[in-house]
Amino acid sequence: MDRVNDPRAARPIPPMRSNRGWQDAPLEATDEPLVPVTGASARIVDRAEYHRWGVDGAMPESWLRADVAARLGRAADGLPGGMTLVVWDGYRPLAVQAHLFRNYLLELAAVHPDMPADALEDAASKYVSMPSRSALCPPPHLTGGAVDVTLGDAAGEPLDLGTPFDAFVPEAEAHALEDVPGGPRDLRRLLHWAMHEQGFSNYAAEWWHYDHGNQFWAHVTGHTAIYGPAERPG
């Protein structure tokens, strides 16, 4: 897609606050159910990518807190005609979080065999939060308030936003294409503003990761988080 016919595509993504220290954001947990994302809009396509990849424990459907799903639905409904919102991941069970963190930690250790263990864990946590059962600072996806999402065509096929999902590279940063005019940059801008209009914050290191109501969101917006860890649905 070379041209994006939407004024939001011409609006640059603004500088973002770092998420470092998100664990200290205030949390006053509310009891809100998880719901399947596809119920929020006919223009949401659920790919449940980790399940497609065969990750043990990954769920066949993507779920979010009810209000987060409703916001996602409004974002999808506000996209230009012929576009869909494709969900790669939402609520993530702790076992899946642990699997992803462990695998990425091993990848980093293979590339940097002399790096101390604490430095490896810090580097890994840039892209995959450490698994934790703590009710005070649960991983963002465990709360049901984080969603990994992209734009798709009318058939739900993901469009090119510059990198694949879970590409842990500098080009995955939300701002990485701001000086590279073209379709991927414009699509990132459109996604950013469509989600921002519905109250989501974007994680600076991953253009596909958005939050609402959890501590990632609270840290960068100055609000109090309302989503603690959620139980696996079903």
C-alpha atoms as a PDB file:
ATOM      1  CA  MET A   1       0.000   0.000   0.000  1.00  0.00           C
ATOM      2  CA  ASP A   2       1.807   3.134  -1.261  1.00  0.00           C
ATOM      3  CA  ARG A   3      -0.766   5.747  -0.242  1.00  0.00           C
ATOM      4  CA  VAL A   4      -2.953   5.880   2.837  1.00  0.00           C
ATOM      5  CA  ASN A   5      -6.081   7.934   2.267  1.00  0.00           C
ATOM      6  CA  ASP A   6      -6.570   9.213   5.791  1.00  0.00           C
ATOM      7  CA  PRO A   7      -5.360  12.517   7.318  1.00  0.00           C
ATOM      8  CA  ARG A   8      -4.018  10.660  10.357  1.00  0.00           C
ATOM      9  CA  ALA A   9      -1.342   9.116   8.139  1.00  0.00           C
ATOM     10  CA  ALA A  10       0.185  12.570   7.651  1.00  0.00           C
ATOM     11  CA  ARG A  11       0.414  13.263  11.394  1.00  0.00           C
ATOM     12  CA  PRO A  12       3.795  12.327  12.914  1.00  0.00           C
ATOM     13  CA  ILE A  13       3.978  10.026  15.919  1.00  0.00           C
ATOM     14  CA  PRO A  14       5.050  12.209  18.858  1.00  0.00           C
ATOM     15  CA  PRO A  15       7.916  11.446  21.235  1.00  0.00           C
ATOM     16  CA  MET A  16       7.002   8.831  23.831  1.00  0.00           C
ATOM     17  CA  ARG A  17       7.919   8.491  27.474  1.00  0.00           C
ATOM     18  CA  SER A  18      10.092   5.507  28.359  1.00  0.00           C
ATOM     19  CA  ASN A  19       8.331   2.630  30.111  1.00  0.00           C
ATOM     20  CA  ARG A  20      11.282   2.024  32.427  1.00  0.00           C
ATOM     21  CA  GLY A  21       9.976   1.955  35.984  1.00  0.00           C
ATOM     22  CA  TRP A  22       6.439   0.959  34.971  1.00  0.00           C
ATOM     23  CA  GLN A  23       6.289  -1.491  37.898  1.00  0.00           C
ATOM     24  CA  ASP A  24       6.042   1.463  40.291  1.00  0.00           C
ATOM     25  CA  ALA A  25       2.898   2.908  38.706  1.00  0.00           C
ATOM     26  CA  PRO A  26      -0.066   2.982  41.124  1.00  0.00           C
ATOM     27  CA  LEU A  27      -2.563   0.154  40.728  1.00  0.00           C
ATOM     28  CA  GLU A  28      -6.111  -0.027  42.078  1.00  0.00           C
ATOM     29  CA  ALA A  29      -7.403  -3.232  40.534  1.00  0.00           C
ATOM     30  CA  THR A  30     -10.999  -3.530  39.349  1.00  0.00           C
ATOM     31  CA  ASP A  31     -12.907  -6.715  38.627  1.00  0.00           C
ATOM     32  CA  GLU A  32     -13.733  -6.497  34.916  1.00  0.00           C
ATOM     33  CA  PRO A  33     -14.235  -9.615  32.785  1.00  0.00           C
ATOM     34  CA  LEU A  34     -12.197 -10.739  29.827  1.00  0.00           C
ATOM     35  CA  VAL A  35     -14.084 -11.009  26.527  1.00  0.00           C
ATOM     36  CA  PRO A  36     -13.129 -12.304  23.051  1.00  0.00           C
ATOM     37  CA  VAL A  37     -11.868  -9.489  20.824  1.00  0.00           C
ATOM     38  CA  THR A  38     -13.948 -10.519  17.817  1.00  0.00           C
ATOM     39  CA  GLY A  39     -17.172  -9.601  19.580  1.00  0.00           C
ATOM     40  CA  ALA A  40     -16.212  -5.928  19.599  1.00  0.00           C
ATOM     41  CA  SER A  41     -16.370  -5.301  15.852  1.00  0.00           C
ATOM     42  CA  ALA A  42     -16.856  -7.108  12.559  1.00  0.00           C
ATOM     43  CA  ARG A  43     -13.702  -5.330  11.404  1.00  0.00           C
ATOM     44  CA  ILE A  44     -11.477  -7.045  13.975  1.00  0.00           C
ATOM     45  CA  VAL A  45      -9.639 -10.142  12.744  1.00  0.00           C
ATOM     46  CA  ASP A  46      -8.191 -12.425  15.429  1.00  0.00           C
ATOM     47  CA  ARG A  47      -5.035 -14.314  14.417  1.00  0.00           C
ATOM     48  CA  ALA A  48      -3.970 -15.439  17.935  1.00  0.00           C
ATOM     49  CA  GLU A  49      -0.426 -15.656  16.635  1.00  0.00           C
ATOM     50  CA  TYR A  50       1.223 -17.618  19.439  1.00  0.00           C
ATOM     51  CA  HIS A  51      -1.394 -20.323  19.099  1.00  0.00           C
ATOM     52  CA  ARG A  52      -0.771 -20.382  15.337  1.00  0.00           C
ATOM     53  CA  TRP A  53       2.939 -20.791  16.084  1.00  0.00           C
ATOM     54  CA  GLY A  54       2.281 -23.729  18.389  1.00  0.00           C
ATOM     55  CA  VAL A  55       3.449 -22.122  21.630  1.00  0.00           C
ATOM     56  CA  ASP A  56       2.469 -24.390  24.535  1.00  0.00           C
ATOM     57  CA  GLY A  57      -0.400 -22.937  26.530  1.00  0.00           C
ATOM     58  CA  ALA A  58      -1.250 -20.253  23.990  1.00  0.00           C
ATOM     59  CA  MET A  59      -4.968 -19.659  23.576  1.00  0.00           C
ATOM     60  CA  PRO A  60      -6.822 -20.159  20.264  1.00  0.00           C
ATOM     61  CA  GLU A  61      -8.673 -16.874  20.748  1.00  0.00           C
ATOM     62  CA  SER A  62      -7.492 -13.436  21.832  1.00  0.00           C
ATOM     63  CA  TRP A  63      -9.203 -11.954  24.891  1.00  0.00           C
ATOM     64  CA  LEU A  64      -9.120  -8.489  26.480  1.00  0.00           C
ATOM     65  CA  ARG A  65     -10.827  -6.700  29.340  1.00  0.00           C
ATOM     66  CA  ALA A  66     -14.344  -5.723  28.279  1.00  0.00           C
ATOM     67  CA  ASP A  67     -13.679  -1.981  28.132  1.00  0.00           C
ATOM     68  CA  VAL A  68     -10.380  -2.482  26.311  1.00  0.00           C
ATOM     69  CA  ALA A  69     -12.102  -4.669  23.723  1.00  0.00           C
ATOM     70  CA  ALA A  70     -14.824  -2.042  23.252  1.00  0.00           C
ATOM     71  CA  ARG A  71     -12.173   0.620  22.664  1.00  0.00           C
ATOM     72  CA  LEU A  72     -10.464  -1.655  20.164  1.00  0.00           C
ATOM     73  CA  GLY A  73     -13.756  -2.126  18.369  1.00  0.00           C
ATOM     74  CA  ARG A  74     -14.229   1.614  18.034  1.00  0.00           C
ATOM     75  CA  ALA A  75     -10.697   1.963  16.688  1.00  0.00           C
ATOM     76  CA  ALA A  76     -11.426  -0.709  14.076  1.00  0.00           C
ATOM     77  CA  ASP A  77     -14.730   0.865  13.086  1.00  0.00           C
ATOM     78  CA  GLY A  78     -12.997   4.223  12.565  1.00  0.00           C
ATOM     79  CA  LEU A  79     -10.471   2.917  10.043  1.00  0.00           C
ATOM     80  CA  PRO A  80     -10.713   3.794   6.346  1.00  0.00           C
ATOM     81  CA  GLY A  81     -12.925   1.547   4.237  1.00  0.00           C
ATOM     82  CA  GLY A  82     -11.310  -1.686   3.142  1.00  0.00           C
ATOM     83  CA  MET A  83      -9.140  -1.943   6.271  1.00  0.00           C
ATOM     84  CA  THR A  84      -9.355  -4.240   9.281  1.00  0.00           C
ATOM     85  CA  LEU A  85      -7.663  -4.354  12.662  1.00  0.00           C
ATOM     86  CA  VAL A  86      -5.693  -7.587  13.063  1.00  0.00           C
ATOM     87  CA  VAL A  87      -5.035  -8.817  16.604  1.00  0.00           C
ATOM     88  CA  TRP A  88      -1.895 -10.879  17.170  1.00  0.00           C
ATOM     89  CA  ASP A  89      -2.167 -11.239  20.948  1.00  0.00           C
ATOM     90  CA  GLY A  90      -4.157  -9.982  23.912  1.00  0.00           C
ATOM     91  CA  TYR A  91      -4.431 -11.614  27.334  1.00  0.00           C
ATOM     92  CA  ARG A  92      -1.394 -13.871  27.740  1.00  0.00           C
ATOM     93  CA  PRO A  93      -1.286 -16.686  30.323  1.00  0.00           C
ATOM     94  CA  LEU A  94       1.713 -16.598  32.632  1.00  0.00           C
ATOM     95  CA  ALA A  95       3.048 -19.895  31.246  1.00  0.00           C
ATOM     96  CA  VAL A  96       3.185 -18.380  27.763  1.00  0.00           C
ATOM     97  CA  GLN A  97       4.886 -15.261  29.130  1.00  0.00           C
ATOM     98  CA  ALA A  98       7.496 -17.464  30.816  1.00  0.00           C
ATOM     99  CA  HIS A  99       8.066 -19.452  27.608  1.00  0.00           C
ATOM    100  CA  LEU A 100       8.586 -16.311  25.518  1.00  0.00           C
ATOM    101  CA  PHE A 101      10.905 -14.706  28.070  1.00  0.00           C
ATOM    102  CA  ARG A 102      13.002 -17.834  28.512  1.00  0.00           C
ATOM    103  CA  ASN A 103      13.413 -18.366  24.773  1.00  0.00           C
ATOM    104  CA  TYR A 104      14.443 -14.779  24.132  1.00  0.00           C
ATOM    105  CA  LEU A 105      16.834 -14.863  27.093  1.00  0.00           C
ATOM    106  CA  LEU A 106      18.500 -17.952  25.596  1.00  0.00           C
ATOM    107  CA  GLU A 107      18.791 -16.220  22.218  1.00  0.00           C
ATOM    108  CA  LEU A 108      20.500 -13.242  23.819  1.00  0.00           C
ATOM    109  CA  ALA A 109      22.807 -15.457  25.863  1.00  0.00           C
ATOM    110  CA  ALA A 110      23.923 -17.263  22.693  1.00  0.00           C
ATOM    111  CA  VAL A 111      24.781 -13.946  21.036  1.00  0.00           C
ATOM    112  CA  HIS A 112      26.345 -12.400  24.183  1.00  0.00           C
ATOM    113  CA  PRO A 113      27.906 -15.309  26.124  1.00  0.00           C
ATOM    114  CA  ASP A 114      29.939 -13.005  28.383  1.00  0.00           C
ATOM    115  CA  MET A 115      27.050 -10.775  29.424  1.00  0.00           C
ATOM    116  CA  PRO A 116      26.146 -11.065  33.150  1.00  0.00           C
ATOM    117  CA  ALA A 117      22.821 -12.711  33.948  1.00  0.00           C
ATOM    118  CA  ASP A 118      21.217  -9.544  35.325  1.00  0.00           C
ATOM    119  CA  ALA A 119      22.220  -7.583  32.223  1.00  0.00           C
ATOM    120  CA  LEU A 120      20.768 -10.302  29.997  1.00  0.00           C
ATOM    121  CA  GLU A 121      17.477 -10.197  31.876  1.00  0.00           C
ATOM    122  CA  ASP A 122      17.372  -6.415  31.611  1.00  0.00           C
ATOM    123  CA  ALA A 123      18.003  -6.589  27.852  1.00  0.00           C
ATOM    124  CA  ALA A 124      15.380  -9.288  27.371  1.00  0.00           C
ATOM    125  CA  SER A 125      12.762  -7.330  29.294  1.00  0.00           C
ATOM    126  CA  LYS A 126      12.877  -4.547  26.699  1.00  0.00           C
ATOM    127  CA  TYR A 127      10.806  -6.771  24.427  1.00  0.00           C
ATOM    128  CA  VAL A 128       9.373  -9.469  26.719  1.00  0.00           C
ATOM    129  CA  SER A 129       8.360  -8.600  30.269  1.00  0.00           C
ATOM    130  CA  MET A 130       9.642 -10.905  32.977  1.00  0.00           C
ATOM    131  CA  PRO A 131       7.006 -13.435  34.082  1.00  0.00           C
ATOM    132  CA  SER A 132       5.714 -12.579  37.526  1.00  0.00           C
ATOM    133  CA  ARG A 133       2.782 -13.694  39.692  1.00  0.00           C
ATOM    134  CA  SER A 134       2.941 -10.453  41.631  1.00  0.00           C
ATOM    135  CA  ALA A 135      -0.418  -8.749  42.049  1.00  0.00           C
ATOM    136  CA  LEU A 136       1.482  -5.473  42.450  1.00  0.00           C
ATOM    137  CA  CYS A 137       3.239  -5.476  39.050  1.00  0.00           C
ATOM    138  CA  PRO A 138       1.941  -8.196  36.713  1.00  0.00           C
ATOM    139  CA  PRO A 139       3.228  -8.452  33.126  1.00  0.00           C
ATOM    140  CA  PRO A 140       1.103  -6.158  30.907  1.00  0.00           C
ATOM    141  CA  HIS A 141      -0.421  -8.933  28.803  1.00  0.00           C
ATOM    142  CA  LEU A 142      -1.419 -10.912  31.919  1.00  0.00           C
ATOM    143  CA  THR A 143      -3.764  -8.055  32.846  1.00  0.00           C
ATOM    144  CA  GLY A 144      -5.864  -8.189  29.683  1.00  0.00           C
ATOM    145  CA  GLY A 145      -5.025  -4.524  29.151  1.00  0.00           C
ATOM    146  CA  ALA A 146      -2.336  -5.031  26.495  1.00  0.00           C
ATOM    147  CA  VAL A 147      -2.910  -5.880  22.842  1.00  0.00           C
ATOM    148  CA  ASP A 148      -0.565  -6.584  19.948  1.00  0.00           C
ATOM    149  CA  VAL A 149      -2.249  -5.325  16.818  1.00  0.00           C
ATOM    150  CA  THR A 150      -1.682  -4.306  13.212  1.00  0.00           C
ATOM    151  CA  LEU A 151      -3.648  -3.105  10.204  1.00  0.00           C
ATOM    152  CA  GLY A 152      -5.034  -5.535   7.658  1.00  0.00           C
ATOM    153  CA  ASP A 153      -6.745  -5.456   4.293  1.00  0.00           C
ATOM    154  CA  ALA A 154     -10.426  -6.222   3.838  1.00  0.00           C
ATOM    155  CA  ALA A 155      -9.707  -9.964   3.992  1.00  0.00           C
ATOM    156  CA  GLY A 156      -7.753  -9.618   7.234  1.00  0.00           C
ATOM    157  CA  GLU A 157      -4.299 -10.095   5.751  1.00  0.00           C
ATOM    158  CA  PRO A 158      -1.743  -7.967   7.653  1.00  0.00           C
ATOM    159  CA  LEU A 159      -0.386  -4.990   5.748  1.00  0.00           C
ATOM    160  CA  ASP A 160       3.299  -4.034   5.661  1.00  0.00           C
ATOM    161  CA  LEU A 161       4.150  -1.804   8.624  1.00  0.00           C
ATOM    162  CA  GLY A 162       7.891  -2.262   8.249  1.00  0.00           C
ATOM    163  CA  THR A 163       8.650  -5.343  10.360  1.00  0.00           C
ATOM    164  CA  PRO A 164       6.927  -8.624  11.209  1.00  0.00           C
ATOM    165  CA  PHE A 165       5.343  -9.185  14.614  1.00  0.00           C
ATOM    166  CA  ASP A 166       7.883  -9.866  17.377  1.00  0.00           C
ATOM    167  CA  ALA A 167      10.815  -8.625  15.303  1.00  0.00           C
ATOM    168  CA  PHE A 168      13.040  -7.496  18.172  1.00  0.00           C
ATOM    169  CA  VAL A 169      15.082  -5.048  16.109  1.00  0.00           C
ATOM    170  CA  PRO A 170      15.570  -1.248  16.121  1.00  0.00           C
ATOM    171  CA  GLU A 171      13.226  -0.928  13.126  1.00  0.00           C
ATOM    172  CA  ALA A 172      10.393  -2.163  15.340  1.00  0.00           C
ATOM    173  CA  GLU A 173      10.455   1.004  17.439  1.00  0.00           C
ATOM    174  CA  ALA A 174       7.360   3.105  16.924  1.00  0.00           C
ATOM    175  CA  HIS A 175       9.425   6.081  15.693  1.00  0.00           C
ATOM    176  CA  ALA A 176      11.832   4.084  13.550  1.00  0.00           C
ATOM    177  CA  LEU A 177      10.258   5.005  10.210  1.00  0.00           C
ATOM    178  CA  GLU A 178       9.432   8.638  10.895  1.00  0.00           C
ATOM    179  CA  ASP A 179      12.237   9.752   8.554  1.00  0.00           C
ATOM    180  CA  VAL A 180      11.438   7.085   5.955  1.00  0.00           C
ATOM    181  CA  PRO A 181       8.479   8.293   3.845  1.00  0.00           C
ATOM    182  CA  GLY A 182       6.288   5.567   2.405  1.00  0.00           C
ATOM    183  CA  GLY A 183       3.414   3.217   3.057  1.00  0.00           C
ATOM    184  CA  PRO A 184       4.763   1.466   6.189  1.00  0.00           C
ATOM    185  CA  ARG A 185       5.421   4.785   7.946  1.00  0.00           C
ATOM    186  CA  ASP A 186       1.989   6.131   7.051  1.00  0.00           C
ATOM    187  CA  LEU A 187       0.296   2.932   8.208  1.00  0.00           C
ATOM    188  CA  ARG A 188       2.117   3.100  11.547  1.00  0.00           C
ATOM    189  CA  ARG A 189       0.896   6.651  11.958  1.00  0.00           C
ATOM    190  CA  LEU A 190      -2.665   5.674  11.110  1.00  0.00           C
ATOM    191  CA  LEU A 191      -2.573   2.789  13.593  1.00  0.00           C
ATOM    192  CA  HIS A 192      -1.050   4.988  16.284  1.00  0.00           C
ATOM    193  CA  TRP A 193      -3.676   7.707  16.018  1.00  0.00           C
ATOM    194  CA  ALA A 194      -6.605   5.319  15.599  1.00  0.00           C
ATOM    195  CA  MET A 195      -5.593   3.656  18.867  1.00  0.00           C
ATOM    196  CA  HIS A 196      -4.666   6.921  20.604  1.00  0.00           C
ATOM    197  CA  GLU A 197      -8.129   8.319  19.882  1.00  0.00           C
ATOM    198  CA  GLN A 198      -9.572   5.456  21.928  1.00  0.00           C
ATOM    199  CA  GLY A 199      -7.305   6.021  24.914  1.00  0.00           C
ATOM    200  CA  PHE A 200      -4.495   3.566  24.175  1.00  0.00           C
ATOM    201  CA  SER A 201      -0.814   4.251  24.733  1.00  0.00           C
ATOM    202  CA  ASN A 202       1.822   2.846  22.357  1.00  0.00           C
ATOM    203  CA  TYR A 203       4.950   1.082  23.648  1.00  0.00           C
ATOM    204  CA  ALA A 204       7.906   2.952  22.166  1.00  0.00           C
ATOM    205  CA  ALA A 205       9.983  -0.186  21.467  1.00  0.00           C
ATOM    206  CA  GLU A 206       7.223  -2.049  19.585  1.00  0.00           C
ATOM    207  CA  TRP A 207       4.970  -0.350  17.056  1.00  0.00           C
ATOM    208  CA  TRP A 208       2.374  -3.142  17.449  1.00  0.00           C
ATOM    209  CA  HIS A 209       2.002  -3.031  21.265  1.00  0.00           C
ATOM    210  CA  TYR A 210      -0.761  -0.911  22.818  1.00  0.00           C
ATOM    211  CA  ASP A 211      -2.034  -0.609  26.380  1.00  0.00           C
ATOM    212  CA  HIS A 212      -5.006   0.688  28.279  1.00  0.00           C
ATOM    213  CA  GLY A 213      -5.685   0.444  32.013  1.00  0.00           C
ATOM    214  CA  ASN A 214      -2.534  -1.464  32.982  1.00  0.00           C
ATOM    215  CA  GLN A 215       0.692  -0.183  34.534  1.00  0.00           C
ATOM    216  CA  PHE A 216       2.438   0.339  31.187  1.00  0.00           C
ATOM    217  CA  TRP A 217      -0.376   2.748  30.327  1.00  0.00           C
ATOM    218  CA  ALA A 218      -0.499   4.303  33.792  1.00  0.00           C
ATOM    219  CA  HIS A 219       3.241   4.991  33.814  1.00  0.00           C
ATOM    220  CA  VAL A 220       3.257   6.934  30.547  1.00  0.00           C
ATOM    221  CA  THR A 221      -0.087   8.713  31.006  1.00  0.00           C
ATOM    222  CA  GLY A 222       0.120   9.594  34.692  1.00  0.00           C
ATOM    223  CA  HIS A 223      -3.112   7.770  35.534  1.00  0.00           C
ATOM    224  CA  THR A 224      -3.716   5.010  38.073  1.00  0.00           C
ATOM    225  CA  ALA A 225      -3.808   1.501  36.623  1.00  0.00           C
ATOM    226  CA  ILE A 226      -7.077  -0.398  37.012  1.00  0.00           C
ATOM    227  CA  TYR A 227      -6.101  -3.863  35.715  1.00  0.00           C
ATOM    228  CA  GLY A 228      -4.172  -6.328  37.834  1.00  0.00           C
ATOM    229  CA  PRO A 229      -3.511  -9.943  36.833  1.00  0.00           C
ATOM    230  CA  ALA A 230      -6.468 -11.723  35.253  1.00  0.00           C
ATOM    231  CA  GLU A 231      -7.410 -15.388  35.397  1.00  0.00           C
ATOM    232  CA  ARG A 232      -7.327 -17.431  32.212  1.00  0.00           C
ATOM    233  CA  PRO A 233     -10.866 -17.445  30.730  1.00  0.00           C
ATOM    234  CA  GLY A 234     -12.803 -20.629  30.217  1.00  0.00           C
END
